[in-house]
Amino acid sequence: MPTFNPSHFLSYCQSLYEADSTYDSEQSNRLARHRHVEPDAAQFLANIATIRQPKKVLEVGTSTGFSTLWLAYGLRHQAECDFTSLDIDKNRSEAARQHLQNTRLSDSVRLIVQDAFIFFNSNEDVFDLVFLDAERQFYIDYIRGLHNALDVGSVLIVDNVISHRDEVSEFLAEFTNDSRYLCHTLDVGAGLFMAVRQEH
């Protein structure tokens, strides 16, 4: 059985990013675009995953799997890690599954097709790392679910917080104004917000 090849992975991700960027530029409907994270943001996620060595990871907003690939890449040496990625679109989730298979990372990720609000309403798990990159207008609806899914040492990372600052400001304030978290906005990609939970 073929094994993971780092050179192939890097080349594959570059080709995927270029192909999907071209695809997105041709779509007049924003919702039809794949809207991946920028490569530097994806690599930042991989580094955080490698450094943090989380046991449980949640991605909200798989799309076609660009960030999923990079998170899985960062987790590939983690012996026991439960990585779940959610998306409401079955076709995009299936595309992500194919990309994971093509890079020999499919065994490390559980892809779920489900609305994030429904997931959080029934979720009882606590995650060490959560990456949020979905439809921004719904973020505020996830607040309670996110708080319940995070504990001391848990890291929440949110994409597009500089490029779409006005759309996420109310959501981000729920964390920056909460003394349980230390928060930072990073000028990486379209802007990453990182909240680390310090108190129960």
Protein backbone atom coordinates (compact mmCIF):
# COMPACT_ATOMS: atom_id res chain seq x y z
CA MET A 1 0.00 0.00 0.00
CA PRO A 2 1.44 3.41 -0.96
CA THR A 3 2.59 5.52 1.96
CA PHE A 4 2.47 9.24 2.59
CA ASN A 5 4.96 11.19 0.47
CA PRO A 6 5.71 14.75 1.67
CA SER A 7 6.94 15.95 -1.74
CA HIS A 8 3.82 14.63 -3.43
CA PHE A 9 1.66 16.24 -0.75
CA LEU A 10 3.20 19.68 -1.20
CA SER A 11 2.94 19.49 -4.98
CA TYR A 12 -0.64 18.24 -4.76
CA CYS A 13 -1.70 21.07 -2.45
CA GLN A 14 -0.11 23.67 -4.70
CA SER A 15 -1.95 22.29 -7.74
CA LEU A 16 -5.22 22.08 -5.81
CA TYR A 17 -4.93 25.67 -4.61
CA GLU A 18 -4.21 26.95 -8.12
CA ALA A 19 -7.04 24.95 -9.69
CA ASP A 20 -9.58 26.02 -7.09
CA SER A 21 -8.45 29.66 -7.24
CA THR A 22 -9.10 29.60 -10.98
CA TYR A 23 -12.46 27.93 -10.41
CA ASP A 24 -13.47 30.50 -7.80
CA SER A 25 -12.53 33.41 -10.07
CA GLU A 26 -15.01 32.12 -12.63
CA GLN A 27 -17.94 31.91 -10.20
CA SER A 28 -20.26 34.92 -9.95
CA ASN A 29 -22.14 33.30 -7.06
CA ARG A 30 -20.07 33.56 -3.87
CA LEU A 31 -21.65 30.42 -2.45
CA ALA A 32 -20.49 28.41 -5.46
CA ARG A 33 -16.85 29.22 -4.73
CA HIS A 34 -14.68 26.86 -2.73
CA ARG A 35 -13.03 29.73 -0.85
CA HIS A 36 -10.02 27.96 0.60
CA VAL A 37 -7.74 29.43 3.22
CA GLU A 38 -4.61 31.05 1.83
CA PRO A 39 -1.52 28.79 1.68
CA ASP A 40 0.29 30.62 4.49
CA ALA A 41 -2.77 30.25 6.73
CA ALA A 42 -3.00 26.55 5.84
CA GLN A 43 0.65 26.05 6.74
CA PHE A 44 0.12 27.95 9.99
CA LEU A 45 -2.67 25.51 10.86
CA ALA A 46 -0.36 22.59 10.15
CA ASN A 47 2.30 24.06 12.41
CA ILE A 48 -0.17 24.67 15.24
CA ALA A 49 -1.38 21.08 14.91
CA THR A 50 2.19 19.79 15.06
CA ILE A 51 3.15 21.96 18.04
CA ARG A 52 -0.06 21.52 20.02
CA GLN A 53 -0.29 17.76 19.39
CA PRO A 54 -4.06 17.72 20.00
CA LYS A 55 -5.93 14.53 20.78
CA LYS A 56 -9.24 15.82 19.43
CA VAL A 57 -9.61 18.24 16.50
CA LEU A 58 -12.72 19.77 14.94
CA GLU A 59 -12.89 21.63 11.65
CA VAL A 60 -16.13 23.48 10.87
CA GLY A 61 -16.28 24.09 7.12
CA THR A 62 -14.51 21.36 5.16
CA SER A 63 -15.32 22.77 1.73
CA THR A 64 -13.29 20.62 -0.68
CA GLY A 65 -10.63 19.96 1.89
CA PHE A 66 -7.65 22.30 1.40
CA SER A 67 -7.38 23.25 5.08
CA THR A 68 -8.37 19.69 6.00
CA LEU A 69 -5.36 18.39 4.10
CA TRP A 70 -3.02 20.73 5.93
CA LEU A 71 -4.45 19.94 9.35
CA ALA A 72 -4.12 16.23 8.60
CA TYR A 73 -0.55 16.88 7.46
CA GLY A 74 0.26 18.57 10.76
CA LEU A 75 -1.33 15.70 12.68
CA ARG A 76 0.21 12.84 10.71
CA HIS A 77 2.75 11.91 13.41
CA GLN A 78 0.13 12.04 16.15
CA ALA A 79 -0.44 8.42 17.14
CA GLU A 80 -3.91 8.84 18.62
CA CYS A 81 -5.83 11.80 17.28
CA ASP A 82 -9.55 12.07 16.57
CA PHE A 83 -9.96 14.58 13.71
CA THR A 84 -13.51 15.45 12.65
CA SER A 85 -14.34 17.82 9.79
CA LEU A 86 -17.87 19.10 9.15
CA ASP A 87 -19.54 20.48 6.06
CA ILE A 88 -23.17 20.83 5.08
CA ASP A 89 -22.44 20.13 1.39
CA LYS A 90 -22.22 16.43 0.52
CA ASN A 91 -20.47 17.01 -2.81
CA ARG A 92 -17.75 19.14 -1.26
CA SER A 93 -17.22 16.65 1.52
CA GLU A 94 -16.85 13.90 -1.06
CA ALA A 95 -14.30 16.00 -2.98
CA ALA A 96 -12.36 16.44 0.27
CA ARG A 97 -12.44 12.68 0.81
CA GLN A 98 -10.93 12.16 -2.64
CA HIS A 99 -8.15 14.67 -1.98
CA LEU A 100 -7.36 12.97 1.32
CA GLN A 101 -7.21 9.60 -0.43
CA ASN A 102 -4.98 11.00 -3.16
CA THR A 103 -2.49 12.22 -0.55
CA ARG A 104 -2.70 9.08 1.65
CA LEU A 105 -4.24 10.97 4.56
CA SER A 106 -7.80 9.67 4.42
CA ASP A 107 -7.41 7.34 7.40
CA SER A 108 -6.72 10.27 9.72
CA VAL A 109 -9.94 12.27 9.18
CA ARG A 110 -13.63 11.60 9.80
CA LEU A 111 -15.74 13.65 7.38
CA ILE A 112 -19.29 14.43 8.48
CA VAL A 113 -22.01 16.03 6.37
CA GLN A 114 -24.06 17.98 8.88
CA ASP A 115 -25.15 21.50 9.76
CA ALA A 116 -22.73 22.87 12.37
CA PHE A 117 -25.55 24.24 14.52
CA ILE A 118 -27.11 20.77 14.74
CA PHE A 119 -23.69 19.28 15.49
CA PHE A 120 -23.03 21.69 18.36
CA ASN A 121 -26.52 21.17 19.80
CA SER A 122 -25.84 17.47 20.28
CA ASN A 123 -22.07 17.55 20.84
CA GLU A 124 -20.73 16.51 24.24
CA ASP A 125 -17.05 16.30 23.28
CA VAL A 126 -14.29 18.74 24.19
CA PHE A 127 -11.73 19.54 21.50
CA ASP A 128 -8.10 20.56 21.85
CA LEU A 129 -8.15 22.43 18.54
CA VAL A 130 -11.09 23.89 16.62
CA PHE A 131 -10.80 25.57 13.23
CA LEU A 132 -13.81 27.61 12.10
CA ASP A 133 -14.13 28.58 8.43
CA ALA A 134 -17.78 28.40 7.44
CA GLU A 135 -20.62 30.82 6.63
CA ARG A 136 -19.79 33.81 8.80
CA GLN A 137 -23.36 35.01 9.35
CA PHE A 138 -24.01 31.87 11.40
CA TYR A 139 -20.96 32.13 13.68
CA ILE A 140 -22.87 33.93 16.40
CA ASP A 141 -25.24 30.95 16.55
CA TYR A 142 -22.32 28.67 17.41
CA ILE A 143 -21.20 30.62 20.49
CA ARG A 144 -22.68 28.36 23.16
CA GLY A 145 -21.63 25.22 21.33
CA LEU A 146 -18.08 26.48 20.93
CA HIS A 147 -17.73 27.43 24.59
CA ASN A 148 -18.95 23.96 25.56
CA ALA A 149 -16.52 22.33 23.12
CA LEU A 150 -13.48 24.15 24.54
CA ASP A 151 -11.67 23.63 27.84
CA VAL A 152 -8.44 24.86 29.42
CA GLY A 153 -5.69 24.68 26.82
CA SER A 154 -8.11 24.38 23.90
CA VAL A 155 -7.32 26.54 20.87
CA LEU A 156 -9.94 28.12 18.60
CA ILE A 157 -8.78 29.49 15.23
CA VAL A 158 -11.10 31.47 12.94
CA ASP A 159 -10.34 32.48 9.34
CA ASN A 160 -11.18 35.70 7.43
CA VAL A 161 -11.16 37.99 10.46
CA ILE A 162 -9.26 40.79 8.70
CA SER A 163 -10.73 40.46 5.20
CA HIS A 164 -14.28 40.33 6.62
CA ARG A 165 -13.80 42.13 9.90
CA ASP A 166 -17.26 43.72 9.94
CA GLU A 167 -18.98 40.36 9.51
CA VAL A 168 -17.25 38.69 12.44
CA SER A 169 -16.70 41.54 14.92
CA GLU A 170 -19.70 40.66 17.12
CA PHE A 171 -18.68 37.01 17.18
CA LEU A 172 -15.05 37.75 18.03
CA ALA A 173 -16.12 40.08 20.85
CA GLU A 174 -17.73 37.09 22.56
CA PHE A 175 -14.21 35.75 23.07
CA THR A 176 -12.12 38.90 23.44
CA ASN A 177 -14.49 40.14 26.17
CA ASP A 178 -14.50 36.79 27.97
CA SER A 179 -11.83 36.58 30.69
CA ARG A 180 -11.53 32.82 30.18
CA TYR A 181 -9.67 33.40 26.91
CA LEU A 182 -6.50 35.08 25.69
CA CYS A 183 -7.01 36.20 22.10
CA HIS A 184 -4.85 37.35 19.21
CA THR A 185 -5.54 38.48 15.65
CA LEU A 186 -2.80 37.37 13.27
CA ASP A 187 -2.05 38.93 9.89
CA VAL A 188 -1.78 35.56 8.19
CA GLY A 189 -3.75 34.82 5.04
CA ALA A 190 -7.08 36.64 5.21
CA GLY A 191 -6.56 37.14 8.94
CA LEU A 192 -6.64 34.48 11.63
CA PHE A 193 -8.14 34.91 15.09
CA MET A 194 -6.78 32.66 17.81
CA ALA A 195 -8.40 32.24 21.21
CA VAL A 196 -6.76 30.02 23.82
CA ARG A 197 -8.89 29.01 26.77
CA GLN A 198 -7.19 29.72 30.09
CA GLU A 199 -9.97 28.98 32.60
CA HIS A 200 -12.81 26.49 32.94
